[in-house]
C-alpha atoms as a PDB file:
ATOM      1  CA  MET A   1     -41.004 -39.058  -4.439  1.00  0.00           C
ATOM      2  CA  GLN A   2     -43.421 -37.586  -1.920  1.00  0.00           C
ATOM      3  CA  ASN A   3     -44.255 -33.902  -2.196  1.00  0.00           C
ATOM      4  CA  ILE A   4     -41.991 -31.567  -0.232  1.00  0.00           C
ATOM      5  CA  ASN A   5     -43.744 -28.553   1.262  1.00  0.00           C
ATOM      6  CA  LEU A   6     -41.803 -25.295   1.254  1.00  0.00           C
ATOM      7  CA  ILE A   7     -42.769 -21.897   2.674  1.00  0.00           C
ATOM      8  CA  ASP A   8     -45.829 -19.858   1.634  1.00  0.00           C
ATOM      9  CA  GLY A   9     -47.577 -22.798  -0.010  1.00  0.00           C
ATOM     10  CA  TYR A  10     -44.765 -23.586  -2.463  1.00  0.00           C
ATOM     11  CA  LYS A  11     -44.033 -27.268  -2.956  1.00  0.00           C
ATOM     12  CA  ILE A  12     -41.760 -29.627  -4.840  1.00  0.00           C
ATOM     13  CA  LYS A  13     -43.246 -32.664  -6.527  1.00  0.00           C
ATOM     14  CA  SER A  14     -42.383 -35.088  -9.298  1.00  0.00           C
ATOM     15  CA  ILE A  15     -43.192 -33.967 -12.814  1.00  0.00           C
ATOM     16  CA  TYR A  16     -43.563 -36.232 -15.831  1.00  0.00           C
ATOM     17  CA  ILE A  17     -43.195 -36.022 -19.590  1.00  0.00           C
ATOM     18  CA  GLU A  18     -46.993 -35.864 -19.867  1.00  0.00           C
ATOM     19  CA  ASP A  19     -46.643 -32.407 -18.280  1.00  0.00           C
ATOM     20  CA  LYS A  20     -44.238 -31.168 -20.935  1.00  0.00           C
ATOM     21  CA  LYS A  21     -46.568 -28.373 -22.129  1.00  0.00           C
ATOM     22  CA  VAL A  22     -46.229 -26.548 -18.799  1.00  0.00           C
ATOM     23  CA  VAL A  23     -42.480 -27.228 -18.834  1.00  0.00           C
ATOM     24  CA  GLU A  24     -42.283 -25.745 -22.362  1.00  0.00           C
ATOM     25  CA  LYS A  25     -44.029 -22.631 -21.050  1.00  0.00           C
ATOM     26  CA  LEU A  26     -41.589 -22.386 -18.127  1.00  0.00           C
ATOM     27  CA  CYS A  27     -38.582 -22.837 -20.433  1.00  0.00           C
ATOM     28  CA  GLY A  28     -39.951 -20.080 -22.658  1.00  0.00           C
ATOM     29  CA  LYS A  29     -40.147 -17.747 -19.647  1.00  0.00           C
ATOM     30  CA  CYS A  30     -36.512 -18.655 -18.920  1.00  0.00           C
ATOM     31  CA  SER A  31     -35.279 -17.740 -22.401  1.00  0.00           C
ATOM     32  CA  ASP A  32     -32.515 -15.616 -20.816  1.00  0.00           C
ATOM     33  CA  TYR A  33     -30.924 -18.789 -19.439  1.00  0.00           C
ATOM     34  CA  TYR A  34     -31.160 -20.631 -22.751  1.00  0.00           C
ATOM     35  CA  MET A  35     -29.711 -17.729 -24.736  1.00  0.00           C
ATOM     36  CA  LEU A  36     -26.776 -17.449 -22.314  1.00  0.00           C
ATOM     37  CA  HIS A  37     -26.227 -21.204 -22.135  1.00  0.00           C
ATOM     38  CA  ASP A  38     -27.040 -22.464 -25.640  1.00  0.00           C
ATOM     39  CA  GLY A  39     -27.235 -19.339 -27.775  1.00  0.00           C
ATOM     40  CA  VAL A  40     -30.721 -20.352 -28.987  1.00  0.00           C
ATOM     41  CA  LEU A  41     -34.229 -20.507 -27.558  1.00  0.00           C
ATOM     42  CA  PRO A  42     -35.346 -23.855 -26.114  1.00  0.00           C
ATOM     43  CA  SER A  43     -36.888 -26.295 -28.572  1.00  0.00           C
ATOM     44  CA  LYS A  44     -39.515 -28.962 -27.939  1.00  0.00           C
ATOM     45  CA  ASP A  45     -36.745 -31.565 -28.269  1.00  0.00           C
ATOM     46  CA  GLU A  46     -34.752 -29.824 -25.553  1.00  0.00           C
ATOM     47  CA  VAL A  47     -37.784 -29.862 -23.261  1.00  0.00           C
ATOM     48  CA  ASP A  48     -38.170 -33.601 -23.952  1.00  0.00           C
ATOM     49  CA  GLU A  49     -34.489 -34.081 -23.039  1.00  0.00           C
ATOM     50  CA  ILE A  50     -35.178 -32.744 -19.535  1.00  0.00           C
ATOM     51  CA  PHE A  51     -37.206 -35.921 -19.042  1.00  0.00           C
ATOM     52  CA  THR A  52     -35.264 -38.374 -21.213  1.00  0.00           C
ATOM     53  CA  ALA A  53     -31.538 -37.501 -21.157  1.00  0.00           C
ATOM     54  CA  LEU A  54     -29.410 -39.795 -19.018  1.00  0.00           C
ATOM     55  CA  PRO A  55     -25.677 -39.869 -18.351  1.00  0.00           C
ATOM     56  CA  PRO A  56     -23.698 -43.016 -19.202  1.00  0.00           C
ATOM     57  CA  ASN A  57     -24.548 -46.167 -17.236  1.00  0.00           C
ATOM     58  CA  LYS A  58     -27.622 -44.651 -15.578  1.00  0.00           C
ATOM     59  CA  ASP A  59     -31.288 -45.559 -15.953  1.00  0.00           C
ATOM     60  CA  TYR A  60     -34.570 -43.815 -15.215  1.00  0.00           C
ATOM     61  CA  GLU A  61     -34.732 -45.208 -11.681  1.00  0.00           C
ATOM     62  CA  ASP A  62     -31.807 -42.864 -10.921  1.00  0.00           C
ATOM     63  CA  LYS A  63     -33.335 -39.755 -12.523  1.00  0.00           C
ATOM     64  CA  PHE A  64     -35.684 -37.353 -10.764  1.00  0.00           C
ATOM     65  CA  VAL A  65     -37.435 -34.531 -12.603  1.00  0.00           C
ATOM     66  CA  LEU A  66     -39.067 -32.295 -10.034  1.00  0.00           C
ATOM     67  CA  GLY A  67     -41.350 -29.312 -10.378  1.00  0.00           C
ATOM     68  CA  ILE A  68     -41.407 -26.317  -8.069  1.00  0.00           C
ATOM     69  CA  TYR A  69     -45.009 -25.148  -7.737  1.00  0.00           C
ATOM     70  CA  LYS A  70     -46.651 -22.049  -6.283  1.00  0.00           C
ATOM     71  CA  PHE A  71     -49.607 -22.263  -3.912  1.00  0.00           C
ATOM     72  CA  ASN A  72     -51.953 -22.051  -6.940  1.00  0.00           C
ATOM     73  CA  ASN A  73     -50.273 -25.098  -8.553  1.00  0.00           C
ATOM     74  CA  GLU A  74     -48.454 -22.952 -11.137  1.00  0.00           C
ATOM     75  CA  LEU A  75     -45.092 -24.411 -12.214  1.00  0.00           C
ATOM     76  CA  VAL A  76     -42.387 -21.827 -11.457  1.00  0.00           C
ATOM     77  CA  GLY A  77     -39.284 -24.013 -11.507  1.00  0.00           C
ATOM     78  CA  ILE A  78     -37.844 -27.361 -12.457  1.00  0.00           C
ATOM     79  CA  VAL A  79     -34.984 -29.478 -11.121  1.00  0.00           C
ATOM     80  CA  ASP A  80     -33.312 -32.449 -12.816  1.00  0.00           C
ATOM     81  CA  ILE A  81     -31.272 -34.687 -10.482  1.00  0.00           C
ATOM     82  CA  VAL A  82     -29.412 -37.927 -11.184  1.00  0.00           C
ATOM     83  CA  ARG A  83     -28.651 -40.179  -8.216  1.00  0.00           C
ATOM     84  CA  ASP A  84     -25.165 -41.655  -7.754  1.00  0.00           C
ATOM     85  CA  PHE A  85     -23.500 -39.921 -10.692  1.00  0.00           C
ATOM     86  CA  PRO A  86     -20.651 -39.883 -11.406  1.00  0.00           C
ATOM     87  CA  THR A  87     -19.982 -41.991  -8.296  1.00  0.00           C
ATOM     88  CA  VAL A  88     -22.092 -43.602  -5.580  1.00  0.00           C
ATOM     89  CA  GLY A  89     -23.150 -40.971  -3.032  1.00  0.00           C
ATOM     90  CA  GLU A  90     -22.608 -38.095  -5.437  1.00  0.00           C
ATOM     91  CA  TRP A  91     -25.771 -36.683  -7.044  1.00  0.00           C
ATOM     92  CA  MET A  92     -25.684 -34.509 -10.157  1.00  0.00           C
ATOM     93  CA  LEU A  93     -27.971 -31.502 -10.330  1.00  0.00           C
ATOM     94  CA  GLY A  94     -28.301 -31.321 -14.095  1.00  0.00           C
ATOM     95  CA  LEU A  95     -30.682 -28.374 -14.149  1.00  0.00           C
ATOM     96  CA  MET A  96     -32.272 -26.017 -11.662  1.00  0.00           C
ATOM     97  CA  LEU A  97     -34.359 -23.480 -13.503  1.00  0.00           C
ATOM     98  CA  ILE A  98     -36.570 -20.880 -11.821  1.00  0.00           C
ATOM     99  CA  GLU A  99     -38.689 -18.407 -13.746  1.00  0.00           C
ATOM    100  CA  PRO A 100     -37.345 -14.830 -13.687  1.00  0.00           C
ATOM    101  CA  GLU A 101     -40.227 -13.400 -11.611  1.00  0.00           C
ATOM    102  CA  GLU A 102     -39.400 -15.838  -8.788  1.00  0.00           C
ATOM    103  CA  ARG A 103     -35.617 -15.330  -8.827  1.00  0.00           C
ATOM    104  CA  GLY A 104     -34.047 -13.339  -6.034  1.00  0.00           C
ATOM    105  CA  SER A 105     -36.843 -14.229  -3.615  1.00  0.00           C
ATOM    106  CA  GLY A 106     -34.954 -16.965  -1.767  1.00  0.00           C
ATOM    107  CA  LEU A 107     -36.954 -19.725  -3.493  1.00  0.00           C
ATOM    108  CA  GLY A 108     -33.816 -21.258  -5.033  1.00  0.00           C
ATOM    109  CA  LYS A 109     -32.059 -21.464  -1.671  1.00  0.00           C
ATOM    110  CA  ILE A 110     -35.121 -22.876   0.089  1.00  0.00           C
ATOM    111  CA  THR A 111     -35.629 -25.413  -2.698  1.00  0.00           C
ATOM    112  CA  HIS A 112     -31.970 -26.441  -2.527  1.00  0.00           C
ATOM    113  CA  GLN A 113     -32.115 -26.922   1.260  1.00  0.00           C
ATOM    114  CA  ALA A 114     -35.207 -29.120   0.964  1.00  0.00           C
ATOM    115  CA  LEU A 115     -33.654 -31.167  -1.846  1.00  0.00           C
ATOM    116  CA  ALA A 116     -30.448 -31.631   0.138  1.00  0.00           C
ATOM    117  CA  LYS A 117     -32.373 -33.058   3.120  1.00  0.00           C
ATOM    118  CA  TRP A 118     -34.400 -35.323   0.820  1.00  0.00           C
ATOM    119  CA  ALA A 119     -31.274 -36.574  -0.994  1.00  0.00           C
ATOM    120  CA  ILE A 120     -29.356 -37.173   2.237  1.00  0.00           C
ATOM    121  CA  ASN A 121     -32.197 -39.437   3.382  1.00  0.00           C
ATOM    122  CA  LEU A 122     -31.706 -41.424   0.162  1.00  0.00           C
ATOM    123  CA  GLY A 123     -27.949 -41.805   0.647  1.00  0.00           C
ATOM    124  CA  ALA A 124     -26.516 -38.704  -1.052  1.00  0.00           C
ATOM    125  CA  LYS A 125     -23.256 -37.407   0.359  1.00  0.00           C
ATOM    126  CA  TYR A 126     -22.499 -34.723  -2.252  1.00  0.00           C
ATOM    127  CA  PHE A 127     -24.288 -32.591  -4.829  1.00  0.00           C
ATOM    128  CA  ARG A 128     -22.381 -31.850  -8.020  1.00  0.00           C
ATOM    129  CA  ILE A 129     -23.226 -29.194 -10.595  1.00  0.00           C
ATOM    130  CA  GLY A 130     -21.801 -27.722 -13.757  1.00  0.00           C
ATOM    131  CA  THR A 131     -22.160 -23.984 -14.347  1.00  0.00           C
ATOM    132  CA  ILE A 132     -20.937 -22.203 -17.435  1.00  0.00           C
ATOM    133  CA  GLU A 133     -18.259 -19.643 -16.691  1.00  0.00           C
ATOM    134  CA  ASP A 134     -20.330 -16.869 -18.324  1.00  0.00           C
ATOM    135  CA  ASN A 135     -23.195 -17.439 -15.868  1.00  0.00           C
ATOM    136  CA  HIS A 136     -21.892 -15.094 -13.176  1.00  0.00           C
ATOM    137  CA  LYS A 137     -25.203 -14.989 -11.274  1.00  0.00           C
ATOM    138  CA  GLY A 138     -25.353 -18.794 -11.263  1.00  0.00           C
ATOM    139  CA  ILE A 139     -21.783 -19.170 -10.033  1.00  0.00           C
ATOM    140  CA  ASN A 140     -22.470 -16.625  -7.297  1.00  0.00           C
ATOM    141  CA  PHE A 141     -25.683 -18.434  -6.283  1.00  0.00           C
ATOM    142  CA  TRP A 142     -24.005 -21.833  -6.041  1.00  0.00           C
ATOM    143  CA  SER A 143     -20.930 -20.419  -4.283  1.00  0.00           C
ATOM    144  CA  THR A 144     -23.178 -18.730  -1.705  1.00  0.00           C
ATOM    145  CA  LEU A 145     -24.698 -22.160  -0.970  1.00  0.00           C
ATOM    146  CA  GLY A 146     -21.216 -23.530  -0.249  1.00  0.00           C
ATOM    147  CA  TYR A 147     -20.296 -25.148  -3.574  1.00  0.00           C
ATOM    148  CA  THR A 148     -16.626 -25.129  -4.498  1.00  0.00           C
ATOM    149  CA  LYS A 149     -15.093 -25.497  -7.937  1.00  0.00           C
ATOM    150  CA  ILE A 150     -13.194 -28.752  -8.433  1.00  0.00           C
ATOM    151  CA  LYS A 151     -12.351 -28.466 -12.132  1.00  0.00           C
ATOM    152  CA  GLU A 152     -13.092 -26.821 -15.469  1.00  0.00           C
ATOM    153  CA  VAL A 153     -14.305 -28.620 -18.585  1.00  0.00           C
ATOM    154  CA  ASN A 154     -14.608 -27.304 -22.149  1.00  0.00           C
ATOM    155  CA  MET A 155     -18.015 -28.153 -23.607  1.00  0.00           C
ATOM    156  CA  ASP A 156     -19.904 -27.454 -26.811  1.00  0.00           C
ATOM    157  CA  PHE A 157     -23.586 -26.577 -26.559  1.00  0.00           C
ATOM    158  CA  LYS A 158     -26.208 -25.845 -29.247  1.00  0.00           C
ATOM    159  CA  ALA A 159     -24.653 -22.694 -30.721  1.00  0.00           C
ATOM    160  CA  LYS A 160     -21.947 -21.898 -28.187  1.00  0.00           C
ATOM    161  CA  ALA A 161     -18.869 -23.380 -26.573  1.00  0.00           C
ATOM    162  CA  HIS A 162     -18.213 -22.746 -22.875  1.00  0.00           C
ATOM    163  CA  ILE A 163     -15.865 -23.412 -20.048  1.00  0.00           C
ATOM    164  CA  VAL A 164     -17.960 -25.220 -17.450  1.00  0.00           C
ATOM    165  CA  ASN A 165     -17.100 -24.920 -13.773  1.00  0.00           C
ATOM    166  CA  VAL A 166     -17.730 -28.268 -12.107  1.00  0.00           C
ATOM    167  CA  MET A 167     -18.659 -27.555  -8.490  1.00  0.00           C
ATOM    168  CA  ILE A 168     -19.363 -29.812  -5.523  1.00  0.00           C
ATOM    169  CA  LEU A 169     -21.054 -29.497  -2.126  1.00  0.00           C
ATOM    170  CA  LYS A 170     -20.609 -31.853   0.811  1.00  0.00           C
ATOM    171  CA  LEU A 171     -24.150 -32.460   2.071  1.00  0.00           C
ATOM    172  CA  CYS A 172     -23.448 -33.409   5.704  1.00  0.00           C
ATOM    173  CA  ASN A 173     -23.256 -29.661   6.389  1.00  0.00           C
ATOM    174  CA  GLN A 174     -26.785 -29.110   5.036  1.00  0.00           C
ATOM    175  CA  LEU A 175     -28.919 -30.644   7.800  1.00  0.00           C
END
């Protein structure tokens, strides 16, 4: 993936498992998300899973782990996307995590718009996400972007069980 330039010197670029120390630091800053989602702080194994976890019948050619960087090359966010899952043309946003100091600034929306354009150019027709029902801010964020709930799924996480809202966005409206 080529770098995507955002506003004010922010950029999106590929990030690799060799960079996991900075990802660990970011995940630590985002402990509020992990406590809400999993009920425990993120472990080193969980950070590794950002880079290694794949859904059924997918390989690493279909997985993109992307960093959101400030003008000074500081990692302030991470996005995990799987191409053509669960169906061709539908891309799963497995994780979009932005450090608390950057939230509410519009960075998430700007990042999403740039990723939508990039994915459309690679054949994406839809983005799909799963948001736990207890994550009211997350549901509001995704709904504001145009995502609609298509179903609910019960899932067990590290120390919690949740109802997950599966939401979808048709990308042709994002250009």
